[in-house]
PDB file of all heavy atoms in Angstrom:
ATOM      1  N   ARG A   1      -4.409 -10.036  12.770  1.00  0.00           N
ATOM      2  CA  ARG A   1      -4.072  -8.962  13.714  1.00  0.00           C
ATOM      3  C   ARG A   1      -3.023  -8.094  13.100  1.00  0.00           C
ATOM      4  O   ARG A   1      -2.082  -8.571  12.442  1.00  0.00           O
ATOM      5  CB  ARG A   1      -3.488  -9.733  15.014  1.00  0.00           C
ATOM      6  CG  ARG A   1      -3.253  -8.762  16.198  1.00  0.00           C
ATOM      7  CD  ARG A   1      -2.758  -9.658  17.328  1.00  0.00           C
ATOM      8  NE  ARG A   1      -1.491 -10.199  16.991  1.00  0.00           N
ATOM      9  CZ  ARG A   1      -1.130 -11.484  17.235  1.00  0.00           C
ATOM     10  NH1 ARG A   1      -1.967 -12.273  17.843  1.00  0.00           N
ATOM     11  NH2 ARG A   1       0.025 -11.969  16.886  1.00  0.00           N
ATOM     12  N   VAL A   2      -3.195  -6.814  13.270  1.00  0.00           N
ATOM     13  CA  VAL A   2      -2.235  -5.805  12.705  1.00  0.00           C
ATOM     14  C   VAL A   2      -0.881  -6.002  13.457  1.00  0.00           C
ATOM     15  O   VAL A   2      -0.891  -6.011  14.707  1.00  0.00           O
ATOM     16  CB  VAL A   2      -2.677  -4.363  12.946  1.00  0.00           C
ATOM     17  CG1 VAL A   2      -1.654  -3.340  12.516  1.00  0.00           C
ATOM     18  CG2 VAL A   2      -3.993  -4.124  12.172  1.00  0.00           C
ATOM     19  N   ASP A   3       0.156  -6.109  12.733  1.00  0.00           N
ATOM     20  CA  ASP A   3       1.514  -6.204  13.351  1.00  0.00           C
ATOM     21  C   ASP A   3       1.943  -4.808  13.778  1.00  0.00           C
ATOM     22  O   ASP A   3       1.969  -3.924  12.995  1.00  0.00           O
ATOM     23  CB  ASP A   3       2.471  -6.773  12.325  1.00  0.00           C
ATOM     24  CG  ASP A   3       3.869  -7.020  12.854  1.00  0.00           C
ATOM     25  OD1 ASP A   3       4.146  -6.526  14.025  1.00  0.00           O
ATOM     26  OD2 ASP A   3       4.630  -7.706  12.195  1.00  0.00           O
ATOM     27  N   PRO A   4       2.209  -4.624  15.062  1.00  0.00           N
ATOM     28  CA  PRO A   4       2.572  -3.272  15.498  1.00  0.00           C
ATOM     29  C   PRO A   4       3.985  -2.810  15.005  1.00  0.00           C
ATOM     30  O   PRO A   4       4.325  -1.619  15.135  1.00  0.00           O
ATOM     31  CB  PRO A   4       2.522  -3.376  17.018  1.00  0.00           C
ATOM     32  CG  PRO A   4       2.752  -4.833  17.312  1.00  0.00           C
ATOM     33  CD  PRO A   4       2.145  -5.603  16.161  1.00  0.00           C
ATOM     34  N   ASP A   5       4.728  -3.692  14.406  1.00  0.00           N
ATOM     35  CA  ASP A   5       6.064  -3.352  13.943  1.00  0.00           C
ATOM     36  C   ASP A   5       5.938  -2.403  12.783  1.00  0.00           C
ATOM     37  O   ASP A   5       5.354  -2.812  11.757  1.00  0.00           O
ATOM     38  CB  ASP A   5       6.793  -4.638  13.536  1.00  0.00           C
ATOM     39  CG  ASP A   5       8.295  -4.422  13.239  1.00  0.00           C
ATOM     40  OD1 ASP A   5       8.600  -3.264  12.787  1.00  0.00           O
ATOM     41  OD2 ASP A   5       9.057  -5.317  13.438  1.00  0.00           O
ATOM     42  N   PRO A   6       6.527  -1.190  12.845  1.00  0.00           N
ATOM     43  CA  PRO A   6       6.369  -0.251  11.721  1.00  0.00           C
ATOM     44  C   PRO A   6       6.993  -0.752  10.435  1.00  0.00           C
ATOM     45  O   PRO A   6       6.635  -0.262   9.371  1.00  0.00           O
ATOM     46  CB  PRO A   6       7.030   0.998  12.245  1.00  0.00           C
ATOM     47  CG  PRO A   6       7.881   0.600  13.361  1.00  0.00           C
ATOM     48  CD  PRO A   6       7.220  -0.626  13.932  1.00  0.00           C
ATOM     49  N   ARG A   7       7.877  -1.765  10.485  1.00  0.00           N
ATOM     50  CA  ARG A   7       8.467  -2.225   9.298  1.00  0.00           C
ATOM     51  C   ARG A   7       7.503  -3.072   8.466  1.00  0.00           C
ATOM     52  O   ARG A   7       7.804  -3.414   7.281  1.00  0.00           O
ATOM     53  CB  ARG A   7       9.711  -3.146   9.616  1.00  0.00           C
ATOM     54  CG  ARG A   7      10.801  -2.377  10.357  1.00  0.00           C
ATOM     55  CD  ARG A   7      11.931  -3.298  10.733  1.00  0.00           C
ATOM     56  NE  ARG A   7      11.410  -4.263  11.692  1.00  0.00           N
ATOM     57  CZ  ARG A   7      12.038  -5.317  12.104  1.00  0.00           C
ATOM     58  NH1 ARG A   7      13.240  -5.662  11.568  1.00  0.00           N
ATOM     59  NH2 ARG A   7      11.474  -6.227  12.948  1.00  0.00           N
ATOM     60  N   SER A   8       6.322  -3.312   8.962  1.00  0.00           N
ATOM     61  CA  SER A   8       5.361  -4.077   8.217  1.00  0.00           C
ATOM     62  C   SER A   8       4.233  -3.153   7.671  1.00  0.00           C
ATOM     63  O   SER A   8       3.180  -3.673   7.269  1.00  0.00           O
ATOM     64  CB  SER A   8       4.813  -5.221   9.025  1.00  0.00           C
ATOM     65  OG  SER A   8       4.023  -4.692  10.111  1.00  0.00           O
ATOM     66  N   HIS A   9       4.393  -1.807   7.810  1.00  0.00           N
ATOM     67  CA  HIS A   9       3.338  -0.895   7.375  1.00  0.00           C
ATOM     68  C   HIS A   9       3.823  -0.110   6.207  1.00  0.00           C
ATOM     69  O   HIS A   9       4.856   0.541   6.228  1.00  0.00           O
ATOM     70  CB  HIS A   9       2.952   0.063   8.523  1.00  0.00           C
ATOM     71  CG  HIS A   9       2.360  -0.670   9.691  1.00  0.00           C
ATOM     72  ND1 HIS A   9       1.170  -0.331  10.169  1.00  0.00           N
ATOM     73  CD2 HIS A   9       2.813  -1.659  10.482  1.00  0.00           C
ATOM     74  CE1 HIS A   9       0.872  -1.150  11.230  1.00  0.00           C
ATOM     75  NE2 HIS A   9       1.874  -1.926  11.415  1.00  0.00           N
ATOM     76  N   ASN A  10       2.956  -0.024   5.148  1.00  0.00           N
ATOM     77  CA  ASN A  10       3.169   0.830   4.016  1.00  0.00           C
ATOM     78  C   ASN A  10       1.824   1.412   3.589  1.00  0.00           C
ATOM     79  O   ASN A  10       0.826   0.699   3.720  1.00  0.00           O
ATOM     80  CB  ASN A  10       3.778   0.046   2.823  1.00  0.00           C
ATOM     81  CG  ASN A  10       5.175  -0.450   3.060  1.00  0.00           C
ATOM     82  OD1 ASN A  10       6.076   0.226   2.632  1.00  0.00           O
ATOM     83  ND2 ASN A  10       5.314  -1.555   3.752  1.00  0.00           N
ATOM     84  N   GLU A  11       1.837   2.593   3.111  1.00  0.00           N
ATOM     85  CA  GLU A  11       0.608   3.213   2.646  1.00  0.00           C
ATOM     86  C   GLU A  11       0.826   3.799   1.245  1.00  0.00           C
ATOM     87  O   GLU A  11       1.880   4.465   1.054  1.00  0.00           O
ATOM     88  CB  GLU A  11       0.169   4.311   3.564  1.00  0.00           C
ATOM     89  CG  GLU A  11      -0.320   3.816   4.927  1.00  0.00           C
ATOM     90  CD  GLU A  11      -0.930   4.930   5.808  1.00  0.00           C
ATOM     91  OE1 GLU A  11      -1.281   5.999   5.276  1.00  0.00           O
ATOM     92  OE2 GLU A  11      -0.978   4.676   7.061  1.00  0.00           O
ATOM     93  N   PHE A  12      -0.089   3.587   0.348  1.00  0.00           N
ATOM     94  CA  PHE A  12       0.000   4.135  -1.007  1.00  0.00           C
ATOM     95  C   PHE A  12      -1.341   4.757  -1.312  1.00  0.00           C
ATOM     96  O   PHE A  12      -2.455   4.298  -0.983  1.00  0.00           O
ATOM     97  CB  PHE A  12       0.247   3.037  -2.050  1.00  0.00           C
ATOM     98  CG  PHE A  12       1.639   2.472  -1.906  1.00  0.00           C
ATOM     99  CD1 PHE A  12       1.976   1.488  -1.034  1.00  0.00           C
ATOM    100  CD2 PHE A  12       2.658   2.906  -2.717  1.00  0.00           C
ATOM    101  CE1 PHE A  12       3.237   0.928  -0.963  1.00  0.00           C
ATOM    102  CE2 PHE A  12       3.934   2.441  -2.686  1.00  0.00           C
ATOM    103  CZ  PHE A  12       4.196   1.455  -1.783  1.00  0.00           C
ATOM    104  N   LYS A  13      -1.294   5.853  -2.107  1.00  0.00           N
ATOM    105  CA  LYS A  13      -2.537   6.444  -2.620  1.00  0.00           C
ATOM    106  C   LYS A  13      -2.891   5.639  -3.914  1.00  0.00           C
ATOM    107  O   LYS A  13      -2.018   5.275  -4.671  1.00  0.00           O
ATOM    108  CB  LYS A  13      -2.365   7.915  -2.959  1.00  0.00           C
ATOM    109  CG  LYS A  13      -2.191   8.738  -1.751  1.00  0.00           C
ATOM    110  CD  LYS A  13      -1.977  10.239  -2.024  1.00  0.00           C
ATOM    111  CE  LYS A  13      -1.733  10.973  -0.716  1.00  0.00           C
ATOM    112  NZ  LYS A  13      -1.510  12.362  -0.923  1.00  0.00           N
ATOM    113  N   GLY A  14      -4.220   5.472  -4.080  1.00  0.00           N
ATOM    114  CA  GLY A  14      -4.608   4.719  -5.269  1.00  0.00           C
ATOM    115  C   GLY A  14      -6.040   5.095  -5.663  1.00  0.00           C
ATOM    116  O   GLY A  14      -6.646   6.039  -5.114  1.00  0.00           O
ATOM    117  N   GLU A  15      -6.585   4.374  -6.670  1.00  0.00           N
ATOM    118  CA  GLU A  15      -7.932   4.632  -7.091  1.00  0.00           C
ATOM    119  C   GLU A  15      -8.571   3.300  -7.547  1.00  0.00           C
ATOM    120  O   GLU A  15      -7.914   2.423  -7.897  1.00  0.00           O
ATOM    121  CB  GLU A  15      -7.944   5.637  -8.211  1.00  0.00           C
ATOM    122  CG  GLU A  15      -7.299   5.241  -9.494  1.00  0.00           C
ATOM    123  CD  GLU A  15      -7.325   6.227 -10.541  1.00  0.00           C
ATOM    124  OE1 GLU A  15      -7.716   7.415 -10.273  1.00  0.00           O
ATOM    125  OE2 GLU A  15      -6.923   5.939 -11.716  1.00  0.00           O
ATOM    126  N   ILE A  16      -9.888   3.321  -7.542  1.00  0.00           N
ATOM    127  CA  ILE A  16     -10.715   2.219  -8.074  1.00  0.00           C
ATOM    128  C   ILE A  16     -11.424   2.856  -9.290  1.00  0.00           C
ATOM    129  O   ILE A  16     -12.167   3.788  -9.123  1.00  0.00           O
ATOM    130  CB  ILE A  16     -11.721   1.728  -7.091  1.00  0.00           C
ATOM    131  CG1 ILE A  16     -10.989   1.181  -5.832  1.00  0.00           C
ATOM    132  CG2 ILE A  16     -12.565   0.601  -7.704  1.00  0.00           C
ATOM    133  CD1 ILE A  16     -11.920   0.788  -4.664  1.00  0.00           C
ATOM    134  N   LYS A  17     -11.256   2.250 -10.451  1.00  0.00           N
ATOM    135  CA  LYS A  17     -11.800   2.672 -11.650  1.00  0.00           C
ATOM    136  C   LYS A  17     -12.084   1.528 -12.553  1.00  0.00           C
ATOM    137  O   LYS A  17     -11.230   0.725 -12.868  1.00  0.00           O
ATOM    138  CB  LYS A  17     -10.966   3.669 -12.369  1.00  0.00           C
ATOM    139  CG  LYS A  17     -11.561   4.316 -13.574  1.00  0.00           C
ATOM    140  CD  LYS A  17     -10.580   5.358 -14.199  1.00  0.00           C
ATOM    141  CE  LYS A  17     -11.166   5.959 -15.459  1.00  0.00           C
ATOM    142  NZ  LYS A  17     -10.229   6.902 -16.057  1.00  0.00           N
ATOM    143  N   ASP A  18     -13.384   1.414 -13.021  1.00  0.00           N
ATOM    144  CA  ASP A  18     -13.747   0.332 -13.969  1.00  0.00           C
ATOM    145  C   ASP A  18     -13.400  -1.054 -13.432  1.00  0.00           C
ATOM    146  O   ASP A  18     -12.909  -1.946 -14.079  1.00  0.00           O
ATOM    147  CB  ASP A  18     -13.130   0.490 -15.360  1.00  0.00           C
ATOM    148  CG  ASP A  18     -13.539   1.800 -16.014  1.00  0.00           C
ATOM    149  OD1 ASP A  18     -14.695   2.211 -15.783  1.00  0.00           O
ATOM    150  OD2 ASP A  18     -12.733   2.422 -16.756  1.00  0.00           O
ATOM    151  N   GLY A  19     -13.644  -1.275 -12.077  1.00  0.00           N
ATOM    152  CA  GLY A  19     -13.424  -2.544 -11.485  1.00  0.00           C
ATOM    153  C   GLY A  19     -11.917  -2.884 -11.315  1.00  0.00           C
ATOM    154  O   GLY A  19     -11.601  -4.037 -11.045  1.00  0.00           O
ATOM    155  N   GLN A  20     -11.056  -1.892 -11.362  1.00  0.00           N
ATOM    156  CA  GLN A  20      -9.639  -2.113 -11.223  1.00  0.00           C
ATOM    157  C   GLN A  20      -9.048  -1.208 -10.166  1.00  0.00           C
ATOM    158  O   GLN A  20      -9.372  -0.048 -10.109  1.00  0.00           O
ATOM    159  CB  GLN A  20      -8.909  -1.895 -12.524  1.00  0.00           C
ATOM    160  CG  GLN A  20      -7.439  -2.292 -12.488  1.00  0.00           C
ATOM    161  CD  GLN A  20      -6.891  -2.398 -13.947  1.00  0.00           C
ATOM    162  OE1 GLN A  20      -7.136  -3.375 -14.537  1.00  0.00           O
ATOM    163  NE2 GLN A  20      -6.221  -1.398 -14.302  1.00  0.00           N
ATOM    164  N   ILE A  21      -8.235  -1.731  -9.254  1.00  0.00           N
ATOM    165  CA  ILE A  21      -7.507  -0.969  -8.201  1.00  0.00           C
ATOM    166  C   ILE A  21      -6.097  -0.797  -8.704  1.00  0.00           C
ATOM    167  O   ILE A  21      -5.392  -1.708  -9.026  1.00  0.00           O
ATOM    168  CB  ILE A  21      -7.543  -1.734  -6.861  1.00  0.00           C
ATOM    169  CG1 ILE A  21      -8.982  -1.971  -6.398  1.00  0.00           C
ATOM    170  CG2 ILE A  21      -6.765  -0.970  -5.829  1.00  0.00           C
ATOM    171  CD1 ILE A  21      -9.147  -2.906  -5.275  1.00  0.00           C
ATOM    172  N   THR A  22      -5.649   0.486  -8.629  1.00  0.00           N
ATOM    173  CA  THR A  22      -4.243   0.774  -8.940  1.00  0.00           C
ATOM    174  C   THR A  22      -3.751   1.802  -7.946  1.00  0.00           C
ATOM    175  O   THR A  22      -4.473   2.544  -7.344  1.00  0.00           O
ATOM    176  CB  THR A  22      -4.117   1.414 -10.379  1.00  0.00           C
ATOM    177  OG1 THR A  22      -4.892   2.568 -10.423  1.00  0.00           O
ATOM    178  CG2 THR A  22      -4.508   0.405 -11.461  1.00  0.00           C
ATOM    179  N   ILE A  23      -2.417   1.767  -7.728  1.00  0.00           N
ATOM    180  CA  ILE A  23      -1.816   2.790  -6.854  1.00  0.00           C
ATOM    181  C   ILE A  23      -1.315   3.882  -7.773  1.00  0.00           C
ATOM    182  O   ILE A  23      -0.795   3.660  -8.945  1.00  0.00           O
ATOM    183  CB  ILE A  23      -0.730   2.248  -5.980  1.00  0.00           C
ATOM    184  CG1 ILE A  23       0.391   1.504  -6.749  1.00  0.00           C
ATOM    185  CG2 ILE A  23      -1.250   1.302  -4.949  1.00  0.00           C
ATOM    186  CD1 ILE A  23       1.591   1.116  -5.869  1.00  0.00           C
ATOM    187  N   SER A  24      -1.397   5.095  -7.322  1.00  0.00           N
ATOM    188  CA  SER A  24      -1.028   6.220  -8.175  1.00  0.00           C
ATOM    189  C   SER A  24       0.309   6.866  -7.733  1.00  0.00           C
ATOM    190  O   SER A  24       0.814   7.708  -8.445  1.00  0.00           O
ATOM    191  CB  SER A  24      -2.105   7.293  -8.043  1.00  0.00           C
ATOM    192  OG  SER A  24      -2.335   7.682  -6.705  1.00  0.00           O
ATOM    193  N   GLU A  25       0.875   6.373  -6.607  1.00  0.00           N
ATOM    194  CA  GLU A  25       2.230   6.874  -6.269  1.00  0.00           C
ATOM    195  C   GLU A  25       3.135   5.639  -6.289  1.00  0.00           C
ATOM    196  O   GLU A  25       2.911   4.631  -5.742  1.00  0.00           O
ATOM    197  CB  GLU A  25       2.206   7.584  -4.901  1.00  0.00           C
ATOM    198  CG  GLU A  25       1.566   6.774  -3.810  1.00  0.00           C
ATOM    199  CD  GLU A  25       1.510   7.585  -2.514  1.00  0.00           C
ATOM    200  OE1 GLU A  25       1.976   8.793  -2.469  1.00  0.00           O
ATOM    201  OE2 GLU A  25       0.968   7.093  -1.591  1.00  0.00           O
ATOM    202  N   HIS A  26       4.262   5.754  -6.979  1.00  0.00           N
ATOM    203  CA  HIS A  26       5.188   4.634  -7.237  1.00  0.00           C
ATOM    204  C   HIS A  26       6.420   4.803  -6.393  1.00  0.00           C
ATOM    205  O   HIS A  26       7.512   4.990  -6.901  1.00  0.00           O
ATOM    206  CB  HIS A  26       5.452   4.509  -8.750  1.00  0.00           C
ATOM    207  CG  HIS A  26       4.200   4.426  -9.525  1.00  0.00           C
ATOM    208  ND1 HIS A  26       3.365   3.340  -9.410  1.00  0.00           N
ATOM    209  CD2 HIS A  26       3.580   5.333 -10.358  1.00  0.00           C
ATOM    210  CE1 HIS A  26       2.291   3.553 -10.228  1.00  0.00           C
ATOM    211  NE2 HIS A  26       2.448   4.700 -10.802  1.00  0.00           N
ATOM    212  N   LYS A  27       6.242   4.677  -5.099  1.00  0.00           N
ATOM    213  CA  LYS A  27       7.354   4.848  -4.149  1.00  0.00           C
ATOM    214  C   LYS A  27       7.830   3.461  -3.723  1.00  0.00           C
ATOM    215  O   LYS A  27       7.299   2.420  -4.056  1.00  0.00           O
ATOM    216  CB  LYS A  27       6.910   5.702  -2.943  1.00  0.00           C
ATOM    217  CG  LYS A  27       5.704   5.078  -2.180  1.00  0.00           C
ATOM    218  CD  LYS A  27       5.232   6.074  -1.108  1.00  0.00           C
ATOM    219  CE  LYS A  27       4.192   5.387  -0.218  1.00  0.00           C
ATOM    220  NZ  LYS A  27       3.705   6.250   0.797  1.00  0.00           N
ATOM    221  N   PRO A  28       8.856   3.430  -2.852  1.00  0.00           N
ATOM    222  CA  PRO A  28       9.373   2.159  -2.302  1.00  0.00           C
ATOM    223  C   PRO A  28       8.344   1.460  -1.492  1.00  0.00           C
ATOM    224  O   PRO A  28       7.553   2.064  -0.707  1.00  0.00           O
ATOM    225  CB  PRO A  28      10.594   2.553  -1.534  1.00  0.00           C
ATOM    226  CG  PRO A  28      11.030   3.847  -2.094  1.00  0.00           C
ATOM    227  CD  PRO A  28       9.748   4.562  -2.485  1.00  0.00           C
ATOM    228  N   LEU A  29       8.419   0.106  -1.497  1.00  0.00           N
ATOM    229  CA  LEU A  29       7.612  -0.762  -0.594  1.00  0.00           C
ATOM    230  C   LEU A  29       8.597  -1.640   0.096  1.00  0.00           C
ATOM    231  O   LEU A  29       9.487  -2.222  -0.563  1.00  0.00           O
ATOM    232  CB  LEU A  29       6.662  -1.630  -1.402  1.00  0.00           C
ATOM    233  CG  LEU A  29       5.979  -2.778  -0.706  1.00  0.00           C
ATOM    234  CD1 LEU A  29       4.834  -2.211   0.224  1.00  0.00           C
ATOM    235  CD2 LEU A  29       5.408  -3.742  -1.689  1.00  0.00           C
ATOM    236  N   ARG A  30       8.441  -1.748   1.369  1.00  0.00           N
ATOM    237  CA  ARG A  30       9.375  -2.579   2.173  1.00  0.00           C
ATOM    238  C   ARG A  30       8.543  -3.314   3.196  1.00  0.00           C
ATOM    239  O   ARG A  30       7.888  -2.676   3.997  1.00  0.00           O
ATOM    240  CB  ARG A  30      10.476  -1.726   2.848  1.00  0.00           C
ATOM    241  CG  ARG A  30      11.500  -2.507   3.472  1.00  0.00           C
ATOM    242  CD  ARG A  30      12.633  -1.607   3.919  1.00  0.00           C
ATOM    243  NE  ARG A  30      13.616  -2.220   4.733  1.00  0.00           N
ATOM    244  CZ  ARG A  30      14.636  -3.076   4.347  1.00  0.00           C
ATOM    245  NH1 ARG A  30      14.796  -3.244   3.057  1.00  0.00           N
ATOM    246  NH2 ARG A  30      15.433  -3.587   5.184  1.00  0.00           N
ATOM    247  N   LEU A  31       8.556  -4.607   3.124  1.00  0.00           N
ATOM    248  CA  LEU A  31       7.766  -5.430   4.011  1.00  0.00           C
ATOM    249  C   LEU A  31       8.572  -6.588   4.614  1.00  0.00           C
ATOM    250  O   LEU A  31       9.408  -7.168   3.966  1.00  0.00           O
ATOM    251  CB  LEU A  31       6.559  -6.116   3.284  1.00  0.00           C
ATOM    252  CG  LEU A  31       5.444  -5.242   2.801  1.00  0.00           C
ATOM    253  CD1 LEU A  31       4.497  -6.056   1.972  1.00  0.00           C
ATOM    254  CD2 LEU A  31       4.694  -4.630   3.933  1.00  0.00           C
ATOM    255  N   LEU A  32       8.334  -6.822   5.905  1.00  0.00           N
ATOM    256  CA  LEU A  32       8.944  -8.052   6.444  1.00  0.00           C
ATOM    257  C   LEU A  32       8.281  -9.281   5.747  1.00  0.00           C
ATOM    258  O   LEU A  32       7.069  -9.228   5.430  1.00  0.00           O
ATOM    259  CB  LEU A  32       8.636  -8.145   7.981  1.00  0.00           C
ATOM    260  CG  LEU A  32       9.222  -7.057   8.764  1.00  0.00           C
ATOM    261  CD1 LEU A  32       8.862  -7.273  10.288  1.00  0.00           C
ATOM    262  CD2 LEU A  32      10.734  -7.027   8.696  1.00  0.00           C
TER     263      LEU A  32
END
């Protein structure tokens, strides 16, 4: 179930290339 608390939500842009997933923006991540 998605936790409705916004402190548990982060979004990053990324890509899938040659069977590998990477994020392209290196910003802060904060999770409960």
